[in-house]
């Protein structure tokens, strides 16, 4: 036999026996990267396991499988079995927050409903799962078997609902899912049939675009404002132009090129035609827009540029790069301010008086490049004792509670939460004492404050630089304009619902930071300006509902005259 094994015929026969399993083995072409005899995962995430590569099974490993496999879902977790991941993620930093490039509130509402129905259908709640009846254990005091008495062996009656061991006869109900023609459960059907809130549609394109050459691309300037007489004032380089909304007429108000100065801020009085103009050299001018005449001049109003202005009736407040806030009464012949306030360590880039210039509008908010927000009260009101959250609302050394301090020289409150320059300031016209503030590139937050007790009400991470804020006069909404962003979406104009802070619309069109924002006197239109040297007009808010509608009255005898 040894000679037969070593003969050429034996070698050929032995080679045939060794190669036969290899020839009969099924071939595998890794077209989709799935190993043989393996089940592909439903999870789309990449697999980092080393066992994903196709390898031959270990020799000697033998597995027995039955002809059927019946899964048991009673004790299993469907969400884990099907790798369902929750869409809601924990709070992420500003780098991951993306402002939508196109606002579609209806699509967002439909997506939320779809997610709810999907979770209801795939992962129903545990109490609604049908379970088998459980046999009650026999009592420990059971009697011994005895001779059966004359008693029926089978009792034909309806099962008692009070006995938990007896399954309820759910098929007797006409509303049972077994009789439903809908492909979804009752909870999902109820969600689909429930009425939904009608969402307001906002036009995504501006209805008018104006060229604004030499409109400065500077975050710390305020060059656009809209008056109560429906006239838009814009500072372009060394000139100020007036655009009348109802006639679209443009007028040139002033030109400072002869003194080599540049416009840095403009602000209209709440009611009237007076326009205040601040310059880079620290000059302050007041013009009468109806006559295009200069009425007041303050040559040395500040030692550096005036970046922010705000009116309170006849009181004009100005914030400058010299870190000071000056208050002047334009009726007095003196050019010196009647009060000076210093609460910031860097440039004052935002000023906003509360209210519309009435007697109760005596609270001023100022934002600075030192990331602080100061609340001033020129009436000399004191801070309520014992209020304020440590670390959120900081106490100022020598504050209003200090003895010997002049009223109004120190801020009533000072907020330290922002981590970037605060230029955007807006008082809520619907709720007294609520202030909205927006931070710059490093902050990206909009925060809401209650200045009556010095607490923060809410905050919103917008994901990009907040340049301006203004409240709607016709609805409880706030609009914000944005600039630099860590994401692909930037230069947005966003409308937020308050207090839910849900986005109503996101408007796009500017190619540079949207640094300027103003609202029309009727509260329906907003105008935005950017470094792309354009002014864009948007129909952002609905018309104000008239509560003084004429009602028919029996005492109106004019209707009875024929």
Protein backbone atom coordinates (compact mmCIF):
# COMPACT_ATOMS: atom_id res chain seq x y z
CA UNK A 1 0.00 0.00 0.00
CA UNK A 2 2.91 2.33 0.68
CA UNK A 3 3.98 1.95 -2.88
CA UNK A 4 0.49 2.85 -4.07
CA UNK A 5 0.47 6.02 -1.93
CA UNK A 6 3.80 7.16 -3.33
CA UNK A 7 2.90 6.35 -6.91
CA UNK A 8 1.75 9.12 -9.27
CA UNK A 9 -1.75 7.69 -9.28
CA UNK A 10 -1.90 7.80 -5.49
CA UNK A 11 -0.70 11.40 -5.37
CA UNK A 12 -3.30 12.40 -7.96
CA UNK A 13 -6.03 10.60 -6.04
CA UNK A 14 -4.95 12.17 -2.73
CA UNK A 15 -4.91 15.65 -4.33
CA UNK A 16 -8.44 15.11 -5.64
CA UNK A 17 -9.70 14.21 -2.18
CA UNK A 18 -8.11 17.26 -0.58
CA UNK A 19 -9.41 19.68 -3.21
CA UNK A 20 -12.97 18.38 -3.30
CA UNK A 21 -14.21 20.34 -0.24
CA UNK A 22 -12.67 23.49 -1.64
CA UNK A 23 -14.43 23.05 -4.97
CA UNK A 24 -17.77 22.40 -3.35
CA UNK A 25 -17.41 25.40 -1.04
CA UNK A 26 -19.64 28.35 -1.96
CA UNK A 27 -17.85 31.38 -3.32
CA UNK A 28 -18.29 34.79 -1.67
CA UNK A 29 -17.77 38.14 -3.34
CA UNK A 30 -17.60 40.94 -0.78
CA UNK A 31 -19.58 43.42 -2.87
CA UNK A 32 -21.29 45.06 0.14
CA UNK A 33 -18.70 44.29 2.77
CA UNK A 34 -20.85 41.73 4.64
CA UNK A 35 -19.28 38.55 5.91
CA UNK A 36 -20.85 35.18 4.97
CA UNK A 37 -23.21 33.55 7.42
CA UNK A 38 -23.71 36.90 9.14
CA UNK A 39 -26.76 39.09 9.53
CA UNK A 40 -26.36 42.73 8.39
CA UNK A 41 -27.05 45.29 11.12
CA UNK A 42 -29.96 47.69 10.84
CA UNK A 43 -27.85 50.40 12.39
CA UNK A 44 -26.30 52.64 9.75
CA UNK A 45 -23.39 53.58 11.96
CA UNK A 46 -19.96 52.25 10.91
CA UNK A 47 -18.81 49.09 12.68
CA UNK A 48 -15.42 49.27 14.34
CA UNK A 49 -15.30 45.64 15.34
CA UNK A 50 -12.46 43.63 13.91
CA UNK A 51 -14.80 40.72 13.22
CA UNK A 52 -16.44 42.53 10.32
CA UNK A 53 -13.91 41.22 7.80
CA UNK A 54 -14.82 37.91 6.08
CA UNK A 55 -12.96 35.09 7.78
CA UNK A 56 -13.40 31.34 7.70
CA UNK A 57 -15.24 29.90 10.70
CA UNK A 58 -13.25 28.06 13.33
CA UNK A 59 -12.89 24.34 12.79
CA UNK A 60 -14.71 22.20 15.25
CA UNK A 61 -17.36 24.84 16.02
CA UNK A 62 -20.71 23.22 15.48
CA UNK A 63 -24.02 25.00 15.98
CA UNK A 64 -27.45 23.46 15.86
CA UNK A 65 -30.33 25.55 14.61
CA UNK A 66 -34.00 24.65 14.60
CA UNK A 67 -36.28 24.97 11.66
CA UNK A 68 -38.15 27.94 13.18
CA UNK A 69 -37.39 30.87 15.41
CA UNK A 70 -40.25 32.61 17.20
CA UNK A 71 -39.14 35.82 18.87
CA UNK A 72 -40.54 36.83 22.24
CA UNK A 73 -41.17 40.56 22.43
CA UNK A 74 -42.79 40.69 25.82
CA UNK A 75 -39.56 41.05 27.74
CA UNK A 76 -37.53 42.66 24.96
CA UNK A 77 -36.88 46.29 24.17
CA UNK A 78 -37.95 47.13 20.65
CA UNK A 79 -36.05 50.41 20.65
CA UNK A 80 -32.80 48.57 21.39
CA UNK A 81 -33.56 45.68 19.06
CA UNK A 82 -34.07 47.91 16.06
CA UNK A 83 -31.32 50.39 17.01
CA UNK A 84 -33.69 53.32 17.20
CA UNK A 85 -31.81 56.38 18.33
CA UNK A 86 -33.52 59.37 19.91
CA UNK A 87 -33.36 62.46 17.77
CA UNK A 88 -33.25 64.73 20.79
CA UNK A 89 -29.66 65.25 21.81
CA UNK A 90 -28.40 66.93 24.94
CA UNK A 91 -27.48 70.56 24.97
CA UNK A 92 -24.65 71.13 22.53
CA UNK A 93 -22.24 74.02 22.30
CA UNK A 94 -22.72 76.85 19.89
CA UNK A 95 -20.47 75.25 17.28
CA UNK A 96 -23.03 72.52 16.64
CA UNK A 97 -26.06 74.81 16.67
CA UNK A 98 -27.19 75.50 13.12
CA UNK A 99 -29.73 78.14 12.25
CA UNK A 100 -31.88 76.78 9.41
CA UNK A 101 -31.17 78.39 6.08
CA UNK A 102 -34.83 78.24 5.07
CA UNK A 103 -37.59 78.45 7.63
CA UNK A 104 -40.39 76.00 7.07
CA UNK A 105 -42.51 75.87 10.19
CA UNK A 106 -45.04 73.51 8.58
CA UNK A 107 -42.31 71.00 7.76
CA UNK A 108 -40.95 71.19 11.30
CA UNK A 109 -44.42 70.58 12.71
CA UNK A 110 -44.96 67.62 10.35
CA UNK A 111 -41.59 66.13 11.33
CA UNK A 112 -42.46 66.37 15.02
CA UNK A 113 -45.78 64.59 14.44
CA UNK A 114 -44.09 61.90 12.35
CA UNK A 115 -41.53 61.21 15.09
CA UNK A 116 -44.28 60.90 17.69
CA UNK A 117 -46.27 58.47 15.52
CA UNK A 118 -43.17 56.45 14.73
CA UNK A 119 -42.33 56.00 18.39
CA UNK A 120 -45.94 55.13 19.18
CA UNK A 121 -46.12 52.49 16.45
CA UNK A 122 -42.73 50.87 16.95
CA UNK A 123 -42.47 51.13 20.72
CA UNK A 124 -45.97 50.98 22.20
CA UNK A 125 -46.32 51.51 25.88
CA UNK A 126 -46.03 48.44 28.08
CA UNK A 127 -49.53 48.54 29.67
CA UNK A 128 -51.18 48.13 26.27
CA UNK A 129 -49.31 44.96 25.36
CA UNK A 130 -51.52 41.92 25.45
CA UNK A 131 -50.29 39.30 27.89
CA UNK A 132 -51.38 35.77 28.66
CA UNK A 133 -53.50 35.19 31.75
CA UNK A 134 -51.54 34.19 34.79
CA UNK A 135 -52.64 31.15 36.75
CA UNK A 136 -53.20 31.97 40.40
CA UNK A 137 -51.21 29.78 42.79
CA UNK A 138 -53.18 27.36 44.83
CA UNK A 139 -53.97 28.38 48.37
CA UNK A 140 -51.81 26.87 51.07
CA UNK A 141 -54.87 25.89 53.06
CA UNK A 142 -56.34 23.77 50.27
CA UNK A 143 -58.48 20.89 51.43
CA UNK A 144 -57.78 17.28 50.71
CA UNK A 145 -59.51 15.65 47.74
CA UNK A 146 -62.97 14.42 48.61
CA UNK A 147 -65.82 12.73 46.87
CA UNK A 148 -67.26 15.08 44.22
CA UNK A 149 -70.69 16.41 44.98
CA UNK A 150 -73.52 16.89 42.57
CA UNK A 151 -72.15 20.00 40.94
CA UNK A 152 -71.74 21.03 37.35
CA UNK A 153 -68.26 20.55 36.01
CA UNK A 154 -68.51 23.42 33.49
CA UNK A 155 -69.93 26.85 34.23
CA UNK A 156 -71.04 28.86 31.23
CA UNK A 157 -71.07 32.48 32.30
CA UNK A 158 -69.27 35.70 31.50
CA UNK A 159 -65.91 36.13 33.15
CA UNK A 160 -65.73 38.60 35.98
CA UNK A 161 -63.90 41.82 35.30
CA UNK A 162 -62.94 42.10 38.93
CA UNK A 163 -60.77 39.01 38.72
CA UNK A 164 -57.33 40.07 37.47
CA UNK A 165 -56.55 36.53 36.37
CA UNK A 166 -59.34 36.59 33.78
CA UNK A 167 -58.47 38.43 30.54
CA UNK A 168 -60.85 41.24 29.69
CA UNK A 169 -63.15 40.69 26.74
CA UNK A 170 -61.76 43.57 24.69
CA UNK A 171 -63.30 42.31 21.46
CA UNK A 172 -66.70 43.25 22.81
CA UNK A 173 -65.85 46.91 22.41
CA UNK A 174 -66.63 48.37 18.98
CA UNK A 175 -63.64 50.71 19.29
CA UNK A 176 -61.14 47.88 19.60
CA UNK A 177 -58.12 47.95 17.29
CA UNK A 178 -59.16 44.65 15.78
CA UNK A 179 -62.12 46.36 14.08
CA UNK A 180 -60.19 49.46 13.01
CA UNK A 181 -59.62 50.09 9.31
CA UNK A 182 -56.71 52.42 10.02
CA UNK A 183 -53.16 51.08 9.65
CA UNK A 184 -52.02 52.92 12.78
CA UNK A 185 -52.92 52.60 16.44
CA UNK A 186 -55.62 54.54 18.18
CA UNK A 187 -53.13 56.88 19.84
CA UNK A 188 -51.53 57.73 16.50
CA UNK A 189 -54.92 58.19 14.86
CA UNK A 190 -55.96 60.55 17.64
CA UNK A 191 -52.77 62.56 17.14
CA UNK A 192 -53.35 62.82 13.40
CA UNK A 193 -57.00 63.85 13.76
CA UNK A 194 -56.39 66.42 16.50
CA UNK A 195 -56.48 70.06 15.33
CA UNK A 196 -53.11 71.74 14.93
CA UNK A 197 -52.15 75.33 15.52
CA UNK A 198 -52.27 77.44 12.40
CA UNK A 199 -48.77 78.69 11.67
CA UNK A 200 -48.15 82.18 10.39
CA UNK A 201 -46.51 82.35 7.00
CA UNK A 202 -43.75 84.90 6.50
CA UNK A 203 -42.55 86.03 3.09
CA UNK A 204 -38.96 84.85 2.63
CA UNK A 205 -37.98 87.55 0.14
CA UNK A 206 -37.71 91.32 0.70
CA UNK A 207 -40.27 93.41 -1.10
CA UNK A 208 -37.80 96.26 -1.62
CA UNK A 209 -34.01 96.53 -1.83
CA UNK A 210 -32.19 99.86 -1.74
CA UNK A 211 -28.54 100.52 -2.47
CA UNK A 212 -26.64 102.04 0.43
CA UNK A 213 -23.11 102.89 -0.73
CA UNK A 214 -20.50 103.43 1.98
CA UNK A 215 -22.65 101.73 4.63
CA UNK A 216 -19.99 100.84 7.18
CA UNK A 217 -19.37 97.21 8.07
CA UNK A 218 -18.71 97.97 11.75
CA UNK A 219 -20.36 96.06 14.58
CA UNK A 220 -20.11 98.97 17.04
CA UNK A 221 -22.01 101.54 14.96
CA UNK A 222 -25.76 102.25 14.72
CA UNK A 223 -26.46 103.87 11.37
CA UNK A 224 -30.12 103.05 10.60
CA UNK A 225 -33.27 104.21 12.42
CA UNK A 226 -36.96 104.62 11.50
CA UNK A 227 -38.98 107.53 12.85
CA UNK A 228 -42.55 107.71 14.05
CA UNK A 229 -43.32 109.90 11.01
CA UNK A 230 -42.37 107.03 8.67
CA UNK A 231 -39.01 108.46 7.62
CA UNK A 232 -35.89 106.29 7.50
CA UNK A 233 -32.58 107.87 8.48
CA UNK A 234 -29.35 106.27 7.22
CA UNK A 235 -25.76 107.29 7.82
CA UNK A 236 -23.56 106.69 4.80
CA UNK A 237 -19.96 107.76 5.26
CA UNK A 238 -19.95 111.46 6.10
CA UNK A 239 -23.58 112.02 5.04
CA UNK A 240 -27.02 111.33 6.45
CA UNK A 241 -29.88 110.61 4.07
CA UNK A 242 -33.62 110.55 4.71
CA UNK A 243 -35.92 108.16 2.86
CA UNK A 244 -39.64 108.85 3.11
CA UNK A 245 -41.52 105.55 3.06
CA UNK A 246 -44.86 106.62 1.60
CA UNK A 247 -43.32 108.63 -1.25
CA UNK A 248 -39.93 106.88 -1.65
CA UNK A 249 -38.32 110.31 -1.76
CA UNK A 250 -34.67 110.66 -0.73
CA UNK A 251 -33.30 113.80 0.92
CA UNK A 252 -29.77 114.63 1.99
CA UNK A 253 -29.80 115.94 5.54
CA UNK A 254 -26.13 116.77 6.21
CA UNK A 255 -22.62 116.32 4.90
CA UNK A 256 -19.60 116.36 7.24
CA UNK A 257 -16.95 115.79 4.62
CA UNK A 258 -15.86 119.43 4.87
CA UNK A 259 -14.74 118.87 8.48
CA UNK A 260 -13.39 115.37 7.71
CA UNK A 261 -15.76 113.59 10.06
CA UNK A 262 -17.81 110.41 9.71
CA UNK A 263 -21.25 109.42 10.95
CA UNK A 264 -21.19 106.78 13.69
CA UNK A 265 -24.79 106.73 15.00
CA UNK A 266 -28.26 108.09 14.29
CA UNK A 267 -31.39 108.05 16.45
CA UNK A 268 -34.89 109.50 16.10
CA UNK A 269 -36.86 110.94 18.98
CA UNK A 270 -39.85 108.76 19.93
CA UNK A 271 -42.43 111.30 18.80
CA UNK A 272 -41.42 114.09 16.49
CA UNK A 273 -39.00 114.97 13.72
CA UNK A 274 -35.79 115.49 15.71
CA UNK A 275 -32.84 113.36 14.63
CA UNK A 276 -29.67 112.99 16.73
CA UNK A 277 -26.39 112.29 14.92
CA UNK A 278 -23.14 111.15 16.51
CA UNK A 279 -19.73 111.19 14.83
CA UNK A 280 -16.39 109.45 15.11
CA UNK A 281 -14.71 112.55 16.54
CA UNK A 282 -17.21 112.80 19.42
CA UNK A 283 -19.47 115.53 18.02
CA UNK A 284 -23.22 115.44 18.54
CA UNK A 285 -25.77 117.14 16.25
CA UNK A 286 -29.55 117.48 16.41
CA UNK A 287 -31.47 118.17 13.19
CA UNK A 288 -35.09 118.97 12.44
CA UNK A 289 -35.96 116.58 9.64
CA UNK A 290 -39.09 118.48 8.59
CA UNK A 291 -37.07 121.59 7.71
CA UNK A 292 -33.67 119.90 7.20
CA UNK A 293 -32.15 122.46 9.60
CA UNK A 294 -29.54 122.04 12.32
CA UNK A 295 -30.99 122.93 15.74
CA UNK A 296 -28.27 121.98 18.27
CA UNK A 297 -24.54 121.28 18.16
CA UNK A 298 -22.37 119.71 20.86
CA UNK A 299 -18.79 120.04 19.66
CA UNK A 300 -17.14 118.09 22.47
CA UNK A 301 -19.92 115.80 23.54
CA UNK A 302 -17.44 112.95 24.03
CA UNK A 303 -13.71 112.54 23.73
CA UNK A 304 -14.08 109.59 21.33
CA UNK A 305 -16.63 108.24 18.85
CA UNK A 306 -20.31 108.12 19.77
CA UNK A 307 -21.53 104.65 18.83
CA UNK A 308 -24.97 104.60 20.47
CA UNK A 309 -27.80 107.08 21.05
CA UNK A 310 -31.17 106.79 22.73
CA UNK A 311 -34.00 109.25 23.44
CA UNK A 312 -36.31 109.50 26.41
CA UNK A 313 -38.70 112.29 25.53
CA UNK A 314 -36.52 115.42 25.76
CA UNK A 315 -33.54 113.60 27.33
CA UNK A 316 -30.85 112.42 24.92
CA UNK A 317 -28.41 109.76 26.16
CA UNK A 318 -25.18 109.01 24.33
CA UNK A 319 -22.69 106.18 24.77
CA UNK A 320 -19.11 106.50 23.61
CA UNK A 321 -15.83 104.74 23.25
CA UNK A 322 -14.62 106.73 26.24
CA UNK A 323 -16.72 104.33 28.41
CA UNK A 324 -19.08 107.11 29.52
CA UNK A 325 -22.84 107.58 29.19
CA UNK A 326 -23.95 111.23 29.09
CA UNK A 327 -27.48 112.49 29.60
CA UNK A 328 -28.49 115.85 28.13
CA UNK A 329 -31.70 117.81 28.17
CA UNK A 330 -32.05 119.21 24.67
CA UNK A 331 -34.26 122.04 25.99
CA UNK A 332 -31.47 123.52 28.08
CA UNK A 333 -29.14 126.00 26.44
CA UNK A 334 -26.11 124.49 28.17
CA UNK A 335 -24.07 121.94 26.23
CA UNK A 336 -22.86 120.16 29.36
CA UNK A 337 -24.65 116.95 30.38
CA UNK A 338 -26.72 117.12 33.53
CA UNK A 339 -25.58 113.60 34.52
CA UNK A 340 -22.73 111.25 33.66
CA UNK A 341 -22.71 107.49 34.24
CA UNK A 342 -19.75 105.14 34.10
CA UNK A 343 -20.44 101.45 34.54
CA UNK A 344 -18.41 99.89 31.72
CA UNK A 345 -14.69 99.32 31.42
CA UNK A 346 -14.74 99.40 27.62
CA UNK A 347 -16.75 101.04 24.84
CA UNK A 348 -20.50 101.51 25.29
CA UNK A 349 -21.94 100.00 22.10
CA UNK A 350 -25.64 99.73 22.99
CA UNK A 351 -28.19 102.04 24.64
CA UNK A 352 -31.95 101.64 24.94
CA UNK A 353 -34.52 103.47 27.06
CA UNK A 354 -37.59 101.53 28.17
CA UNK A 355 -41.05 102.55 27.01
CA UNK A 356 -41.95 105.22 24.49
CA UNK A 357 -40.74 108.27 26.33
CA UNK A 358 -43.59 108.46 28.83
CA UNK A 359 -43.26 109.42 32.48
CA UNK A 360 -42.68 105.79 33.51
CA UNK A 361 -39.89 105.25 30.98
CA UNK A 362 -37.01 106.03 33.33
CA UNK A 363 -35.00 102.80 33.00
CA UNK A 364 -32.00 102.74 30.68
CA UNK A 365 -30.13 99.63 29.54
CA UNK A 366 -26.55 99.89 28.33
CA UNK A 367 -24.36 97.20 26.77
CA UNK A 368 -20.61 97.37 26.51
CA UNK A 369 -17.63 95.78 24.88
CA UNK A 370 -16.69 94.49 28.34
CA UNK A 371 -19.51 91.89 28.00
CA UNK A 372 -21.60 93.60 30.70
CA UNK A 373 -25.18 94.89 30.74
CA UNK A 374 -26.03 97.77 33.09
CA UNK A 375 -29.49 98.90 34.15
CA UNK A 376 -29.75 102.58 35.12
CA UNK A 377 -32.54 104.45 36.87
CA UNK A 378 -32.14 108.23 36.87
CA UNK A 379 -34.99 108.60 39.33
CA UNK A 380 -32.73 107.27 42.07
CA UNK A 381 -34.55 104.01 42.72
CA UNK A 382 -32.73 101.60 45.01
CA UNK A 383 -32.05 97.96 44.37
CA UNK A 384 -34.42 95.64 46.26
CA UNK A 385 -32.55 94.06 49.12
CA UNK A 386 -31.85 90.35 49.17
CA UNK A 387 -32.54 89.78 45.48
CA UNK A 388 -30.23 88.61 42.76
CA UNK A 389 -28.46 85.35 42.05
CA UNK A 390 -24.75 85.14 42.92
CA UNK A 391 -22.61 84.79 39.83
CA UNK A 392 -25.45 85.74 37.54
CA UNK A 393 -26.23 89.24 38.71
CA UNK A 394 -23.13 90.78 40.17
CA UNK A 395 -23.02 93.51 42.76
CA UNK A 396 -21.12 96.63 41.81
CA UNK A 397 -18.71 98.04 44.42
CA UNK A 398 -20.18 101.19 45.84
CA UNK A 399 -23.55 100.37 44.32
CA UNK A 400 -26.88 102.02 44.95
CA UNK A 401 -26.93 100.72 48.49
CA UNK A 402 -23.70 102.54 49.36
CA UNK A 403 -23.97 105.63 51.46
CA UNK A 404 -23.02 108.93 49.88
CA UNK A 405 -23.47 107.73 46.28
CA UNK A 406 -25.31 110.06 43.94
CA UNK A 407 -28.56 108.74 42.52
CA UNK A 408 -28.11 107.40 39.00
CA UNK A 409 -24.28 107.40 39.09
CA UNK A 410 -24.15 103.64 39.66
CA UNK A 411 -26.19 100.98 37.88
CA UNK A 412 -29.25 99.52 39.49
CA UNK A 413 -28.30 96.07 38.16
CA UNK A 414 -25.26 94.72 36.37
CA UNK A 415 -25.46 91.43 34.46
CA UNK A 416 -22.32 89.36 33.83
CA UNK A 417 -23.67 86.35 31.93
CA UNK A 418 -22.59 87.34 28.42
CA UNK A 419 -19.15 86.34 27.18
CA UNK A 420 -18.91 88.80 24.27
CA UNK A 421 -19.77 92.41 23.45
CA UNK A 422 -23.42 93.31 24.02
CA UNK A 423 -24.82 95.64 21.37
CA UNK A 424 -28.33 94.21 20.90
CA UNK A 425 -30.81 95.53 23.49
CA UNK A 426 -34.61 95.49 23.33
CA UNK A 427 -37.35 96.15 25.90
CA UNK A 428 -40.49 94.05 25.71
CA UNK A 429 -43.43 96.35 24.85
CA UNK A 430 -45.95 93.73 26.03
CA UNK A 431 -44.51 92.85 29.46
CA UNK A 432 -43.15 95.55 31.73
CA UNK A 433 -39.61 95.13 33.01
CA UNK A 434 -38.48 92.43 30.54
CA UNK A 435 -35.23 93.11 28.67
CA UNK A 436 -33.68 91.05 25.86
CA UNK A 437 -29.92 91.21 25.28
CA UNK A 438 -27.74 89.60 22.62
CA UNK A 439 -24.04 88.70 22.74
CA UNK A 440 -21.38 88.85 20.05
CA UNK A 441 -19.35 86.21 18.27
CA UNK A 442 -17.97 84.46 21.35
CA UNK A 443 -21.36 84.38 23.09
CA UNK A 444 -24.09 83.82 20.46
CA UNK A 445 -26.83 83.90 23.13
CA UNK A 446 -30.02 85.89 23.55
CA UNK A 447 -30.87 86.33 27.21
CA UNK A 448 -34.05 87.64 28.78
CA UNK A 449 -33.97 89.52 32.09
CA UNK A 450 -36.43 90.71 34.67
CA UNK A 451 -35.02 94.06 35.71
CA UNK A 452 -37.48 94.41 38.57
CA UNK A 453 -35.75 91.71 40.61
CA UNK A 454 -32.53 91.26 38.64
CA UNK A 455 -32.99 87.65 37.51
CA UNK A 456 -32.52 85.93 34.16
CA UNK A 457 -35.75 84.52 32.77
CA UNK A 458 -34.49 82.50 29.82
CA UNK A 459 -31.68 82.17 27.30
CA UNK A 460 -31.39 81.01 23.70
CA UNK A 461 -28.31 79.74 21.89
CA UNK A 462 -28.61 81.11 18.35
CA UNK A 463 -25.36 79.66 16.99
CA UNK A 464 -24.10 82.94 15.54
CA UNK A 465 -23.24 86.51 16.42
CA UNK A 466 -26.27 88.53 17.60
CA UNK A 467 -26.11 92.01 16.08
CA UNK A 468 -29.56 93.49 16.76
CA UNK A 469 -32.81 92.78 18.57
CA UNK A 470 -36.25 94.32 18.35
CA UNK A 471 -39.69 93.28 19.58
CA UNK A 472 -42.79 93.10 17.46
CA UNK A 473 -45.52 95.61 18.21
CA UNK A 474 -48.33 93.43 16.85
CA UNK A 475 -47.42 90.01 18.30
CA UNK A 476 -45.33 88.65 21.16
CA UNK A 477 -42.33 87.87 18.97
CA UNK A 478 -38.78 89.10 18.73
CA UNK A 479 -36.56 89.45 15.67
CA UNK A 480 -32.80 89.06 15.73
CA UNK A 481 -30.13 89.70 13.11
CA UNK A 482 -26.93 87.70 12.96
CA UNK A 483 -23.39 87.87 11.64
CA UNK A 484 -20.36 85.66 12.15
CA UNK A 485 -21.17 82.02 12.73
CA UNK A 486 -19.27 78.81 13.37
CA UNK A 487 -21.65 76.95 11.06
CA UNK A 488 -22.54 77.18 7.39
CA UNK A 489 -25.66 79.27 8.08
CA UNK A 490 -24.91 82.91 8.79
CA UNK A 491 -26.17 86.44 8.06
CA UNK A 492 -29.65 85.36 9.12
CA UNK A 493 -32.71 87.34 10.19
CA UNK A 494 -34.63 85.18 12.65
CA UNK A 495 -38.07 85.65 14.18
CA UNK A 496 -38.66 83.91 17.52
CA UNK A 497 -41.86 83.25 19.43
CA UNK A 498 -41.76 84.33 23.05
CA UNK A 499 -41.70 82.80 25.63
CA UNK A 500 -41.47 79.38 23.91
CA UNK A 501 -38.48 80.64 21.83
CA UNK A 502 -39.61 78.60 18.82
CA UNK A 503 -38.42 79.87 15.47
CA UNK A 504 -41.20 81.38 13.37
CA UNK A 505 -39.13 82.24 10.29
CA UNK A 506 -35.56 82.60 9.09
CA UNK A 507 -34.92 85.19 6.38
CA UNK A 508 -31.83 85.20 4.18
CA UNK A 509 -30.56 87.54 1.49
CA UNK A 510 -27.63 89.52 2.87
CA UNK A 511 -24.12 88.43 1.96
CA UNK A 512 -22.50 90.21 4.91
CA UNK A 513 -23.25 90.59 8.61
CA UNK A 514 -26.69 92.07 9.24
CA UNK A 515 -25.50 94.89 11.49
CA UNK A 516 -28.45 97.29 11.32
CA UNK A 517 -32.13 96.82 12.07
CA UNK A 518 -35.11 99.15 12.37
CA UNK A 519 -38.89 98.75 12.47
CA UNK A 520 -41.60 100.79 10.81
CA UNK A 521 -43.96 102.78 13.05
CA UNK A 522 -46.89 100.48 12.24
CA UNK A 523 -44.87 97.44 13.37
CA UNK A 524 -45.38 95.43 10.18
CA UNK A 525 -42.12 96.05 8.29
CA UNK A 526 -38.49 95.74 9.30
CA UNK A 527 -35.50 97.10 7.41
CA UNK A 528 -32.06 95.50 7.65
CA UNK A 529 -28.70 96.83 6.58
CA UNK A 530 -25.43 94.98 6.07
CA UNK A 531 -21.89 95.42 4.89
CA UNK A 532 -22.99 94.42 1.40
CA UNK A 533 -24.22 98.06 1.13
CA UNK A 534 -27.89 97.19 0.74
CA UNK A 535 -31.04 97.93 2.71
CA UNK A 536 -33.71 95.24 2.54
CA UNK A 537 -37.34 95.67 3.58
CA UNK A 538 -39.27 92.66 4.89
CA UNK A 539 -42.94 92.11 5.70
CA UNK A 540 -42.17 90.33 8.95
CA UNK A 541 -45.22 90.82 11.20
CA UNK A 542 -49.00 90.82 10.72
CA UNK A 543 -51.18 93.87 10.91
CA UNK A 544 -52.26 95.06 14.31
CA UNK A 545 -55.75 93.90 15.17
CA UNK A 546 -58.13 96.76 15.67
CA UNK A 547 -59.97 96.33 18.97
CA UNK A 548 -61.94 99.51 18.36
CA UNK A 549 -64.09 98.07 15.63
CA UNK A 550 -67.29 99.90 15.06
CA UNK A 551 -70.19 98.07 16.62
CA UNK A 552 -73.82 98.49 15.77
CA UNK A 553 -75.73 100.11 18.58
CA UNK A 554 -79.39 100.82 19.09
CA UNK A 555 -78.42 104.27 20.38
CA UNK A 556 -76.85 105.22 17.07
CA UNK A 557 -79.73 107.26 15.71
CA UNK A 558 -77.76 108.16 12.61
CA UNK A 559 -78.46 104.68 11.29
CA UNK A 560 -82.20 105.20 11.67
CA UNK A 561 -82.32 108.30 9.46
CA UNK A 562 -83.52 107.45 5.98
